[in-house]
Amino acid sequence: MGDVYRWRLAPDGLATRRQLRALGLRPGGQDVVAELHRPRRRKAPLVAYLYRVDRAKPVRPMTPARTAALAAAMRARRTCPNCRTDVGYCIPRSLGMCVPCHDAPAA
């Protein structure tokens, strides 16, 4: 591991994963160069890992197969296991079924 910087004091040329993604980049297998620490009261600091922007690679484009797989996964998250209907929203994991099925009285 490299240097440790405080919140908002990292030098130019370093970025977090989210910042790289906003630039259309990804770490591309490079190691973490530094850490960014954000202090908090009565808790351990939040830690973000920093990568070099000049070594980052472009984000891989979405292929038709990846698009289809993502659509199938999202469809599975919207399908109620009880009534087998696509409810139009992601089923809460805390309920395990759609809200109407959860709220219906047990038969």
PDB file of N, CA and C in Angstrom:
ATOM      1  N   MET A   1       0.857  -1.176   0.000  1.00  0.00           N
ATOM      2  CA  MET A   1       0.000   0.000   0.000  1.00  0.00           C
ATOM      3  C   MET A   1       0.896   1.229   0.000  1.00  0.00           C
ATOM      4  N   GLY A   2       0.394   2.271  -0.571  1.00  0.00           N
ATOM      5  CA  GLY A   2       1.174   3.494  -0.691  1.00  0.00           C
ATOM      6  C   GLY A   2       0.859   4.492   0.394  1.00  0.00           C
ATOM      7  N   ASP A   3       0.689   5.723  -0.021  1.00  0.00           N
ATOM      8  CA  ASP A   3       0.472   6.828   0.897  1.00  0.00           C
ATOM      9  C   ASP A   3      -0.961   6.845   1.408  1.00  0.00           C
ATOM     10  N   VAL A   4      -1.146   7.605   2.485  1.00  0.00           N
ATOM     11  CA  VAL A   4      -2.478   7.825   3.051  1.00  0.00           C
ATOM     12  C   VAL A   4      -2.734   9.325   3.047  1.00  0.00           C
ATOM     13  N   TYR A   5      -3.859   9.722   2.453  1.00  0.00           N
ATOM     14  CA  TYR A   5      -4.220  11.137   2.370  1.00  0.00           C
ATOM     15  C   TYR A   5      -5.504  11.376   3.143  1.00  0.00           C
ATOM     16  N   ARG A   6      -5.630  12.575   3.667  1.00  0.00           N
ATOM     17  CA  ARG A   6      -6.879  12.951   4.330  1.00  0.00           C
ATOM     18  C   ARG A   6      -7.898  13.368   3.282  1.00  0.00           C
ATOM     19  N   TRP A   7      -9.147  13.411   3.704  1.00  0.00           N
ATOM     20  CA  TRP A   7     -10.270  13.744   2.842  1.00  0.00           C
ATOM     21  C   TRP A   7     -10.017  15.032   2.079  1.00  0.00           C
ATOM     22  N   ARG A   8     -10.207  15.016   0.779  1.00  0.00           N
ATOM     23  CA  ARG A   8     -10.068  16.154  -0.134  1.00  0.00           C
ATOM     24  C   ARG A   8      -8.628  16.648  -0.316  1.00  0.00           C
ATOM     25  N   LEU A   9      -7.644  15.900   0.160  1.00  0.00           N
ATOM     26  CA  LEU A   9      -6.253  16.343   0.034  1.00  0.00           C
ATOM     27  C   LEU A   9      -5.411  15.431  -0.840  1.00  0.00           C
ATOM     28  N   ALA A  10      -6.043  14.590  -1.633  1.00  0.00           N
ATOM     29  CA  ALA A  10      -5.289  13.711  -2.534  1.00  0.00           C
ATOM     30  C   ALA A  10      -4.755  14.525  -3.706  1.00  0.00           C
ATOM     31  N   PRO A  11      -3.587  14.189  -4.202  1.00  0.00           N
ATOM     32  CA  PRO A  11      -3.022  14.940  -5.330  1.00  0.00           C
ATOM     33  C   PRO A  11      -3.759  14.624  -6.632  1.00  0.00           C
ATOM     34  N   ASP A  12      -3.579  15.489  -7.601  1.00  0.00           N
ATOM     35  CA  ASP A  12      -4.157  15.260  -8.922  1.00  0.00           C
ATOM     36  C   ASP A  12      -3.518  14.016  -9.531  1.00  0.00           C
ATOM     37  N   GLY A  13      -4.268  13.345 -10.385  1.00  0.00           N
ATOM     38  CA  GLY A  13      -3.749  12.149 -11.026  1.00  0.00           C
ATOM     39  C   GLY A  13      -4.156  10.872 -10.331  1.00  0.00           C
ATOM     40  N   LEU A  14      -4.797  10.984  -9.159  1.00  0.00           N
ATOM     41  CA  LEU A  14      -5.313   9.827  -8.444  1.00  0.00           C
ATOM     42  C   LEU A  14      -6.826   9.937  -8.374  1.00  0.00           C
ATOM     43  N   ALA A  15      -7.514   8.784  -8.453  1.00  0.00           N
ATOM     44  CA  ALA A  15      -8.969   8.796  -8.435  1.00  0.00           C
ATOM     45  C   ALA A  15      -9.494   7.504  -7.825  1.00  0.00           C
ATOM     46  N   THR A  16     -10.692   7.575  -7.262  1.00  0.00           N
ATOM     47  CA  THR A  16     -11.371   6.388  -6.746  1.00  0.00           C
ATOM     48  C   THR A  16     -12.011   5.646  -7.914  1.00  0.00           C
ATOM     49  N   ARG A  17     -12.554   4.461  -7.641  1.00  0.00           N
ATOM     50  CA  ARG A  17     -13.237   3.698  -8.691  1.00  0.00           C
ATOM     51  C   ARG A  17     -14.408   4.483  -9.276  1.00  0.00           C
ATOM     52  N   ARG A  18     -15.187   5.125  -8.422  1.00  0.00           N
ATOM     53  CA  ARG A  18     -16.332   5.894  -8.910  1.00  0.00           C
ATOM     54  C   ARG A  18     -15.890   7.067  -9.775  1.00  0.00           C
ATOM     55  N   GLN A  19     -14.829   7.725  -9.377  1.00  0.00           N
ATOM     56  CA  GLN A  19     -14.336   8.838 -10.175  1.00  0.00           C
ATOM     57  C   GLN A  19     -13.801   8.353 -11.518  1.00  0.00           C
ATOM     58  N   LEU A  20     -13.127   7.198 -11.505  1.00  0.00           N
ATOM     59  CA  LEU A  20     -12.663   6.628 -12.767  1.00  0.00           C
ATOM     60  C   LEU A  20     -13.842   6.283 -13.667  1.00  0.00           C
ATOM     61  N   ARG A  21     -14.881   5.694 -13.081  1.00  0.00           N
ATOM     62  CA  ARG A  21     -16.050   5.307 -13.869  1.00  0.00           C
ATOM     63  C   ARG A  21     -16.723   6.531 -14.480  1.00  0.00           C
ATOM     64  N   ALA A  22     -16.768   7.632 -13.736  1.00  0.00           N
ATOM     65  CA  ALA A  22     -17.359   8.866 -14.258  1.00  0.00           C
ATOM     66  C   ALA A  22     -16.562   9.395 -15.455  1.00  0.00           C
ATOM     67  N   LEU A  23     -15.289   9.046 -15.518  1.00  0.00           N
ATOM     68  CA  LEU A  23     -14.435   9.444 -16.638  1.00  0.00           C
ATOM     69  C   LEU A  23     -14.458   8.411 -17.759  1.00  0.00           C
ATOM     70  N   GLY A  24     -15.224   7.318 -17.575  1.00  0.00           N
ATOM     71  CA  GLY A  24     -15.277   6.266 -18.585  1.00  0.00           C
ATOM     72  C   GLY A  24     -14.084   5.335 -18.506  1.00  0.00           C
ATOM     73  N   LEU A  25     -13.490   5.222 -17.324  1.00  0.00           N
ATOM     74  CA  LEU A  25     -12.299   4.402 -17.133  1.00  0.00           C
ATOM     75  C   LEU A  25     -12.542   3.346 -16.057  1.00  0.00           C
ATOM     76  N   ARG A  26     -11.607   2.383 -15.960  1.00  0.00           N
ATOM     77  CA  ARG A  26     -11.610   1.359 -14.928  1.00  0.00           C
ATOM     78  C   ARG A  26     -10.173   1.159 -14.468  1.00  0.00           C
ATOM     79  N   PRO A  27      -9.944   0.616 -13.264  1.00  0.00           N
ATOM     80  CA  PRO A  27      -8.565   0.438 -12.802  1.00  0.00           C
ATOM     81  C   PRO A  27      -7.723  -0.438 -13.720  1.00  0.00           C
ATOM     82  N   GLY A  28      -8.311  -1.442 -14.335  1.00  0.00           N
ATOM     83  CA  GLY A  28      -7.581  -2.240 -15.312  1.00  0.00           C
ATOM     84  C   GLY A  28      -6.493  -3.120 -14.724  1.00  0.00           C
ATOM     85  N   GLY A  29      -6.694  -3.643 -13.533  1.00  0.00           N
ATOM     86  CA  GLY A  29      -5.732  -4.570 -12.945  1.00  0.00           C
ATOM     87  C   GLY A  29      -4.601  -3.925 -12.174  1.00  0.00           C
ATOM     88  N   GLN A  30      -4.537  -2.626 -12.126  1.00  0.00           N
ATOM     89  CA  GLN A  30      -3.455  -1.977 -11.383  1.00  0.00           C
ATOM     90  C   GLN A  30      -3.703  -2.095  -9.877  1.00  0.00           C
ATOM     91  N   ASP A  31      -2.638  -2.059  -9.119  1.00  0.00           N
ATOM     92  CA  ASP A  31      -2.735  -2.128  -7.665  1.00  0.00           C
ATOM     93  C   ASP A  31      -3.170  -0.776  -7.108  1.00  0.00           C
ATOM     94  N   VAL A  32      -3.672  -0.805  -5.881  1.00  0.00           N
ATOM     95  CA  VAL A  32      -4.050   0.418  -5.182  1.00  0.00           C
ATOM     96  C   VAL A  32      -2.783   1.225  -4.915  1.00  0.00           C
ATOM     97  N   VAL A  33      -2.829   2.512  -5.244  1.00  0.00           N
ATOM     98  CA  VAL A  33      -1.657   3.372  -5.090  1.00  0.00           C
ATOM     99  C   VAL A  33      -1.652   4.049  -3.726  1.00  0.00           C
ATOM    100  N   ALA A  34      -2.838   4.459  -3.257  1.00  0.00           N
ATOM    101  CA  ALA A  34      -2.924   5.191  -1.995  1.00  0.00           C
ATOM    102  C   ALA A  34      -4.311   5.000  -1.398  1.00  0.00           C
ATOM    103  N   GLU A  35      -4.455   5.468  -0.167  1.00  0.00           N
ATOM    104  CA  GLU A  35      -5.743   5.436   0.518  1.00  0.00           C
ATOM    105  C   GLU A  35      -6.167   6.857   0.855  1.00  0.00           C
ATOM    106  N   LEU A  36      -7.469   7.051   0.867  1.00  0.00           N
ATOM    107  CA  LEU A  36      -8.047   8.333   1.251  1.00  0.00           C
ATOM    108  C   LEU A  36      -8.869   8.078   2.508  1.00  0.00           C
ATOM    109  N   HIS A  37      -8.573   8.799   3.596  1.00  0.00           N
ATOM    110  CA  HIS A  37      -9.286   8.604   4.853  1.00  0.00           C
ATOM    111  C   HIS A  37     -10.180   9.797   5.142  1.00  0.00           C
ATOM    112  N   ARG A  38     -11.447   9.497   5.419  1.00  0.00           N
ATOM    113  CA  ARG A  38     -12.393  10.537   5.820  1.00  0.00           C
ATOM    114  C   ARG A  38     -12.724  10.313   7.285  1.00  0.00           C
ATOM    115  N   PRO A  39     -12.290  11.216   8.168  1.00  0.00           N
ATOM    116  CA  PRO A  39     -12.521  11.004   9.598  1.00  0.00           C
ATOM    117  C   PRO A  39     -14.000  11.104   9.967  1.00  0.00           C
ATOM    118  N   ARG A  40     -14.386  10.333  10.993  1.00  0.00           N
ATOM    119  CA  ARG A  40     -15.747  10.366  11.528  1.00  0.00           C
ATOM    120  C   ARG A  40     -15.658  10.409  13.048  1.00  0.00           C
ATOM    121  N   ARG A  41     -16.682  10.942  13.672  1.00  0.00           N
ATOM    122  CA  ARG A  41     -16.703  10.992  15.139  1.00  0.00           C
ATOM    123  C   ARG A  41     -17.034   9.620  15.706  1.00  0.00           C
ATOM    124  N   ARG A  42     -16.275   9.200  16.661  1.00  0.00           N
ATOM    125  CA  ARG A  42     -16.503   7.967  17.420  1.00  0.00           C
ATOM    126  C   ARG A  42     -16.527   6.699  16.574  1.00  0.00           C
ATOM    127  N   LYS A  43     -16.050   6.762  15.359  1.00  0.00           N
ATOM    128  CA  LYS A  43     -15.993   5.583  14.495  1.00  0.00           C
ATOM    129  C   LYS A  43     -14.687   5.596  13.729  1.00  0.00           C
ATOM    130  N   ALA A  44     -14.374   4.445  13.175  1.00  0.00           N
ATOM    131  CA  ALA A  44     -13.178   4.372  12.327  1.00  0.00           C
ATOM    132  C   ALA A  44     -13.406   5.216  11.076  1.00  0.00           C
ATOM    133  N   PRO A  45     -12.344   5.755  10.501  1.00  0.00           N
ATOM    134  CA  PRO A  45     -12.525   6.595   9.308  1.00  0.00           C
ATOM    135  C   PRO A  45     -13.004   5.778   8.109  1.00  0.00           C
ATOM    136  N   LEU A  46     -13.721   6.457   7.224  1.00  0.00           N
ATOM    137  CA  LEU A  46     -14.096   5.839   5.957  1.00  0.00           C
ATOM    138  C   LEU A  46     -12.854   5.798   5.082  1.00  0.00           C
ATOM    139  N   VAL A  47     -12.669   4.711   4.357  1.00  0.00           N
ATOM    140  CA  VAL A  47     -11.471   4.536   3.549  1.00  0.00           C
ATOM    141  C   VAL A  47     -11.873   4.361   2.090  1.00  0.00           C
ATOM    142  N   ALA A  48     -11.217   5.084   1.206  1.00  0.00           N
ATOM    143  CA  ALA A  48     -11.397   4.931  -0.234  1.00  0.00           C
ATOM    144  C   ALA A  48     -10.025   4.644  -0.831  1.00  0.00           C
ATOM    145  N   TYR A  49      -9.999   3.724  -1.779  1.00  0.00           N
ATOM    146  CA  TYR A  49      -8.740   3.376  -2.422  1.00  0.00           C
ATOM    147  C   TYR A  49      -8.565   4.215  -3.681  1.00  0.00           C
ATOM    148  N   LEU A  50      -7.335   4.650  -3.907  1.00  0.00           N
ATOM    149  CA  LEU A  50      -7.026   5.524  -5.033  1.00  0.00           C
ATOM    150  C   LEU A  50      -6.175   4.795  -6.063  1.00  0.00           C
ATOM    151  N   TYR A  51      -6.475   5.067  -7.330  1.00  0.00           N
ATOM    152  CA  TYR A  51      -5.766   4.474  -8.454  1.00  0.00           C
ATOM    153  C   TYR A  51      -5.212   5.587  -9.339  1.00  0.00           C
ATOM    154  N   ARG A  52      -4.180   5.272 -10.095  1.00  0.00           N
ATOM    155  CA  ARG A  52      -3.599   6.250 -11.005  1.00  0.00           C
ATOM    156  C   ARG A  52      -4.468   6.374 -12.243  1.00  0.00           C
ATOM    157  N   VAL A  53      -4.783   7.600 -12.613  1.00  0.00           N
ATOM    158  CA  VAL A  53      -5.630   7.854 -13.779  1.00  0.00           C
ATOM    159  C   VAL A  53      -4.881   7.534 -15.067  1.00  0.00           C
ATOM    160  N   ASP A  54      -3.583   7.813 -15.109  1.00  0.00           N
ATOM    161  CA  ASP A  54      -2.827   7.583 -16.345  1.00  0.00           C
ATOM    162  C   ASP A  54      -2.657   6.095 -16.670  1.00  0.00           C
ATOM    163  N   ARG A  55      -2.796   5.212 -15.695  1.00  0.00           N
ATOM    164  CA  ARG A  55      -2.699   3.773 -15.932  1.00  0.00           C
ATOM    165  C   ARG A  55      -4.068   3.111 -16.125  1.00  0.00           C
ATOM    166  N   ALA A  56      -5.134   3.870 -15.962  1.00  0.00           N
ATOM    167  CA  ALA A  56      -6.483   3.314 -16.085  1.00  0.00           C
ATOM    168  C   ALA A  56      -6.788   2.987 -17.540  1.00  0.00           C
ATOM    169  N   LYS A  57      -7.661   1.988 -17.714  1.00  0.00           N
ATOM    170  CA  LYS A  57      -8.057   1.553 -19.056  1.00  0.00           C
ATOM    171  C   LYS A  57      -9.504   1.945 -19.316  1.00  0.00           C
ATOM    172  N   PRO A  58      -9.892   2.024 -20.590  1.00  0.00           N
ATOM    173  CA  PRO A  58     -11.289   2.360 -20.882  1.00  0.00           C
ATOM    174  C   PRO A  58     -12.237   1.256 -20.409  1.00  0.00           C
ATOM    175  N   VAL A  59     -13.455   1.643 -20.074  1.00  0.00           N
ATOM    176  CA  VAL A  59     -14.480   0.687 -19.670  1.00  0.00           C
ATOM    177  C   VAL A  59     -14.822  -0.185 -20.873  1.00  0.00           C
ATOM    178  N   ARG A  60     -15.002  -1.476 -20.609  1.00  0.00           N
ATOM    179  CA  ARG A  60     -15.370  -2.394 -21.695  1.00  0.00           C
ATOM    180  C   ARG A  60     -16.786  -2.077 -22.149  1.00  0.00           C
ATOM    181  N   PRO A  61     -17.039  -2.096 -23.457  1.00  0.00           N
ATOM    182  CA  PRO A  61     -18.390  -1.792 -23.949  1.00  0.00           C
ATOM    183  C   PRO A  61     -19.352  -2.928 -23.636  1.00  0.00           C
ATOM    184  N   MET A  62     -20.643  -2.567 -23.524  1.00  0.00           N
ATOM    185  CA  MET A  62     -21.674  -3.576 -23.308  1.00  0.00           C
ATOM    186  C   MET A  62     -21.885  -4.349 -24.603  1.00  0.00           C
ATOM    187  N   THR A  63     -21.844  -5.666 -24.504  1.00  0.00           N
ATOM    188  CA  THR A  63     -22.123  -6.518 -25.658  1.00  0.00           C
ATOM    189  C   THR A  63     -23.604  -6.905 -25.626  1.00  0.00           C
ATOM    190  N   PRO A  64     -24.153  -7.367 -26.718  1.00  0.00           N
ATOM    191  CA  PRO A  64     -25.550  -7.809 -26.700  1.00  0.00           C
ATOM    192  C   PRO A  64     -25.807  -8.918 -25.676  1.00  0.00           C
ATOM    193  N   ALA A  65     -24.855  -9.822 -25.494  1.00  0.00           N
ATOM    194  CA  ALA A  65     -25.026 -10.905 -24.524  1.00  0.00           C
ATOM    195  C   ALA A  65     -25.055 -10.365 -23.090  1.00  0.00           C
ATOM    196  N   ARG A  66     -24.175  -9.406 -22.778  1.00  0.00           N
ATOM    197  CA  ARG A  66     -24.183  -8.818 -21.433  1.00  0.00           C
ATOM    198  C   ARG A  66     -25.455  -8.025 -21.190  1.00  0.00           C
ATOM    199  N   THR A  67     -25.954  -7.327 -22.211  1.00  0.00           N
ATOM    200  CA  THR A  67     -27.203  -6.582 -22.093  1.00  0.00           C
ATOM    201  C   THR A  67     -28.363  -7.534 -21.820  1.00  0.00           C
ATOM    202  N   ALA A  68     -28.404  -8.666 -22.543  1.00  0.00           N
ATOM    203  CA  ALA A  68     -29.472  -9.654 -22.344  1.00  0.00           C
ATOM    204  C   ALA A  68     -29.390 -10.289 -20.965  1.00  0.00           C
ATOM    205  N   ALA A  69     -28.185 -10.583 -20.488  1.00  0.00           N
ATOM    206  CA  ALA A  69     -28.015 -11.178 -19.166  1.00  0.00           C
ATOM    207  C   ALA A  69     -28.445 -10.211 -18.069  1.00  0.00           C
ATOM    208  N   LEU A  70     -28.109  -8.941 -18.222  1.00  0.00           N
ATOM    209  CA  LEU A  70     -28.518  -7.935 -17.240  1.00  0.00           C
ATOM    210  C   LEU A  70     -30.039  -7.766 -17.228  1.00  0.00           C
ATOM    211  N   ALA A  71     -30.652  -7.779 -18.400  1.00  0.00           N
ATOM    212  CA  ALA A  71     -32.111  -7.668 -18.478  1.00  0.00           C
ATOM    213  C   ALA A  71     -32.781  -8.871 -17.824  1.00  0.00           C
ATOM    214  N   ALA A  72     -32.237 -10.069 -18.024  1.00  0.00           N
ATOM    215  CA  ALA A  72     -32.804 -11.272 -17.409  1.00  0.00           C
ATOM    216  C   ALA A  72     -32.667 -11.231 -15.891  1.00  0.00           C
ATOM    217  N   ALA A  73     -31.537 -10.756 -15.399  1.00  0.00           N
ATOM    218  CA  ALA A  73     -31.339 -10.663 -13.952  1.00  0.00           C
ATOM    219  C   ALA A  73     -32.303  -9.661 -13.329  1.00  0.00           C
ATOM    220  N   MET A  74     -32.509  -8.526 -13.990  1.00  0.00           N
ATOM    221  CA  MET A  74     -33.442  -7.530 -13.455  1.00  0.00           C
ATOM    222  C   MET A  74     -34.887  -8.035 -13.523  1.00  0.00           C
ATOM    223  N   ARG A  75     -35.228  -8.776 -14.568  1.00  0.00           N
ATOM    224  CA  ARG A  75     -36.565  -9.361 -14.679  1.00  0.00           C
ATOM    225  C   ARG A  75     -36.799 -10.361 -13.541  1.00  0.00           C
ATOM    226  N   ALA A  76     -35.775 -11.132 -13.190  1.00  0.00           N
ATOM    227  CA  ALA A  76     -35.881 -12.089 -12.089  1.00  0.00           C
ATOM    228  C   ALA A  76     -36.078 -11.376 -10.757  1.00  0.00           C
ATOM    229  N   ARG A  77     -35.464 -10.216 -10.578  1.00  0.00           N
ATOM    230  CA  ARG A  77     -35.633  -9.458  -9.332  1.00  0.00           C
ATOM    231  C   ARG A  77     -37.018  -8.838  -9.221  1.00  0.00           C
ATOM    232  N   ARG A  78     -37.691  -8.619 -10.373  1.00  0.00           N
ATOM    233  CA  ARG A  78     -39.028  -8.024 -10.372  1.00  0.00           C
ATOM    234  C   ARG A  78     -40.141  -9.058 -10.333  1.00  0.00           C
ATOM    235  N   THR A  79     -39.824 -10.338 -10.522  1.00  0.00           N
ATOM    236  CA  THR A  79     -40.842 -11.379 -10.586  1.00  0.00           C
ATOM    237  C   THR A  79     -41.095 -11.952  -9.199  1.00  0.00           C
ATOM    238  N   CYS A  80     -42.356 -11.921  -8.777  1.00  0.00           N
ATOM    239  CA  CYS A  80     -42.741 -12.427  -7.458  1.00  0.00           C
ATOM    240  C   CYS A  80     -42.727 -13.956  -7.487  1.00  0.00           C
ATOM    241  N   PRO A  81     -42.070 -14.604  -6.512  1.00  0.00           N
ATOM    242  CA  PRO A  81     -42.049 -16.070  -6.496  1.00  0.00           C
ATOM    243  C   PRO A  81     -43.412 -16.663  -6.124  1.00  0.00           C
ATOM    244  N   ASN A  82     -44.279 -15.859  -5.523  1.00  0.00           N
ATOM    245  CA  ASN A  82     -45.607 -16.336  -5.107  1.00  0.00           C
ATOM    246  C   ASN A  82     -46.591 -16.346  -6.269  1.00  0.00           C
ATOM    247  N   CYS A  83     -46.819 -15.187  -6.866  1.00  0.00           N
ATOM    248  CA  CYS A  83     -47.833 -15.058  -7.917  1.00  0.00           C
ATOM    249  C   CYS A  83     -47.245 -15.107  -9.324  1.00  0.00           C
ATOM    250  N   ARG A  84     -45.902 -15.158  -9.442  1.00  0.00           N
ATOM    251  CA  ARG A  84     -45.211 -15.280 -10.719  1.00  0.00           C
ATOM    252  C   ARG A  84     -45.506 -14.142 -11.694  1.00  0.00           C
ATOM    253  N   THR A  85     -45.754 -12.946 -11.190  1.00  0.00           N
ATOM    254  CA  THR A  85     -45.996 -11.807 -12.069  1.00  0.00           C
ATOM    255  C   THR A  85     -44.849 -10.814 -11.948  1.00  0.00           C
ATOM    256  N   ASP A  86     -44.613 -10.087 -13.034  1.00  0.00           N
ATOM    257  CA  ASP A  86     -43.623  -9.013 -13.039  1.00  0.00           C
ATOM    258  C   ASP A  86     -44.313  -7.799 -12.433  1.00  0.00           C
ATOM    259  N   VAL A  87     -43.911  -7.422 -11.218  1.00  0.00           N
ATOM    260  CA  VAL A  87     -44.603  -6.362 -10.492  1.00  0.00           C
ATOM    261  C   VAL A  87     -44.106  -4.971 -10.854  1.00  0.00           C
ATOM    262  N   GLY A  88     -43.045  -4.847 -11.638  1.00  0.00           N
ATOM    263  CA  GLY A  88     -42.587  -3.543 -12.090  1.00  0.00           C
ATOM    264  C   GLY A  88     -41.603  -2.857 -11.162  1.00  0.00           C
ATOM    265  N   TYR A  89     -41.243  -3.494 -10.069  1.00  0.00           N
ATOM    266  CA  TYR A  89     -40.249  -2.950  -9.148  1.00  0.00           C
ATOM    267  C   TYR A  89     -39.463  -4.122  -8.574  1.00  0.00           C
ATOM    268  N   CYS A  90     -38.296  -3.846  -8.040  1.00  0.00           N
ATOM    269  CA  CYS A  90     -37.492  -4.910  -7.442  1.00  0.00           C
ATOM    270  C   CYS A  90     -38.142  -5.349  -6.136  1.00  0.00           C
ATOM    271  N   ILE A  91     -38.342  -6.641  -5.998  1.00  0.00           N
ATOM    272  CA  ILE A  91     -38.988  -7.208  -4.816  1.00  0.00           C
ATOM    273  C   ILE A  91     -38.072  -6.993  -3.613  1.00  0.00           C
ATOM    274  N   PRO A  92     -38.584  -6.444  -2.506  1.00  0.00           N
ATOM    275  CA  PRO A  92     -37.749  -6.267  -1.325  1.00  0.00           C
ATOM    276  C   PRO A  92     -37.290  -7.617  -0.774  1.00  0.00           C
ATOM    277  N   ARG A  93     -36.026  -7.741  -0.479  1.00  0.00           N
ATOM    278  CA  ARG A  93     -35.511  -8.998   0.067  1.00  0.00           C
ATOM    279  C   ARG A  93     -36.056  -9.260   1.452  1.00  0.00           C
ATOM    280  N   SER A  94     -36.416  -8.197   2.161  1.00  0.00           N
ATOM    281  CA  SER A  94     -36.965  -8.385   3.511  1.00  0.00           C
ATOM    282  C   SER A  94     -38.333  -9.057   3.462  1.00  0.00           C
ATOM    283  N   LEU A  95     -39.078  -8.847   2.365  1.00  0.00           N
ATOM    284  CA  LEU A  95     -40.398  -9.466   2.233  1.00  0.00           C
ATOM    285  C   LEU A  95     -40.326 -10.817   1.533  1.00  0.00           C
ATOM    286  N   GLY A  96     -39.488 -10.919   0.516  1.00  0.00           N
ATOM    287  CA  GLY A  96     -39.365 -12.156  -0.228  1.00  0.00           C
ATOM    288  C   GLY A  96     -40.463 -12.368  -1.255  1.00  0.00           C
ATOM    289  N   MET A  97     -41.387 -11.436  -1.354  1.00  0.00           N
ATOM    290  CA  MET A  97     -42.484 -11.506  -2.317  1.00  0.00           C
ATOM    291  C   MET A  97     -42.986 -10.099  -2.553  1.00  0.00           C
ATOM    292  N   CYS A  98     -43.900  -9.940  -3.513  1.00  0.00           N
ATOM    293  CA  CYS A  98     -44.422  -8.606  -3.791  1.00  0.00           C
ATOM    294  C   CYS A  98     -45.287  -8.133  -2.619  1.00  0.00           C
ATOM    295  N   VAL A  99     -45.508  -6.842  -2.550  1.00  0.00           N
ATOM    296  CA  VAL A  99     -46.256  -6.266  -1.438  1.00  0.00           C
ATOM    297  C   VAL A  99     -47.682  -6.784  -1.364  1.00  0.00           C
ATOM    298  N   PRO A 100     -48.434  -6.881  -2.485  1.00  0.00           N
ATOM    299  CA  PRO A 100     -49.801  -7.428  -2.392  1.00  0.00           C
ATOM    300  C   PRO A 100     -49.833  -8.858  -1.856  1.00  0.00           C
ATOM    301  N   CYS A 101     -48.889  -9.714  -2.261  1.00  0.00           N
ATOM    302  CA  CYS A 101     -48.842 -11.090  -1.740  1.00  0.00           C
ATOM    303  C   CYS A 101     -48.499 -11.089  -0.251  1.00  0.00           C
ATOM    304  N   HIS A 102     -47.609 -10.188   0.151  1.00  0.00           N
ATOM    305  CA  HIS A 102     -47.212 -10.121   1.561  1.00  0.00           C
ATOM    306  C   HIS A 102     -48.375  -9.626   2.428  1.00  0.00           C
ATOM    307  N   ASP A 103     -49.116  -8.662   1.916  1.00  0.00           N
ATOM    308  CA  ASP A 103     -50.203  -8.073   2.699  1.00  0.00           C
ATOM    309  C   ASP A 103     -51.485  -8.898   2.671  1.00  0.00           C
ATOM    310  N   ALA A 104     -51.598  -9.833   1.732  1.00  0.00           N
ATOM    311  CA  ALA A 104     -52.810 -10.652   1.657  1.00  0.00           C
ATOM    312  C   ALA A 104     -52.871 -11.588   2.865  1.00  0.00           C
ATOM    313  N   PRO A 105     -54.068 -11.806   3.412  1.00  0.00           N
ATOM    314  CA  PRO A 105     -54.172 -12.728   4.568  1.00  0.00           C
ATOM    315  C   PRO A 105     -53.844 -14.148   4.135  1.00  0.00           C
ATOM    316  N   ALA A 106     -53.231 -14.896   5.028  1.00  0.00           N
ATOM    317  CA  ALA A 106     -52.849 -16.283   4.738  1.00  0.00           C
ATOM    318  C   ALA A 106     -54.118 -17.124   4.600  1.00  0.00           C
ATOM    319  N   ALA A 107     -54.155 -17.976   3.582  1.00  0.00           N
ATOM    320  CA  ALA A 107     -55.344 -18.801   3.349  1.00  0.00           C
ATOM    321  C   ALA A 107     -55.269 -20.109   4.088  1.00  0.00           C
TER     322      ALA A 107
END
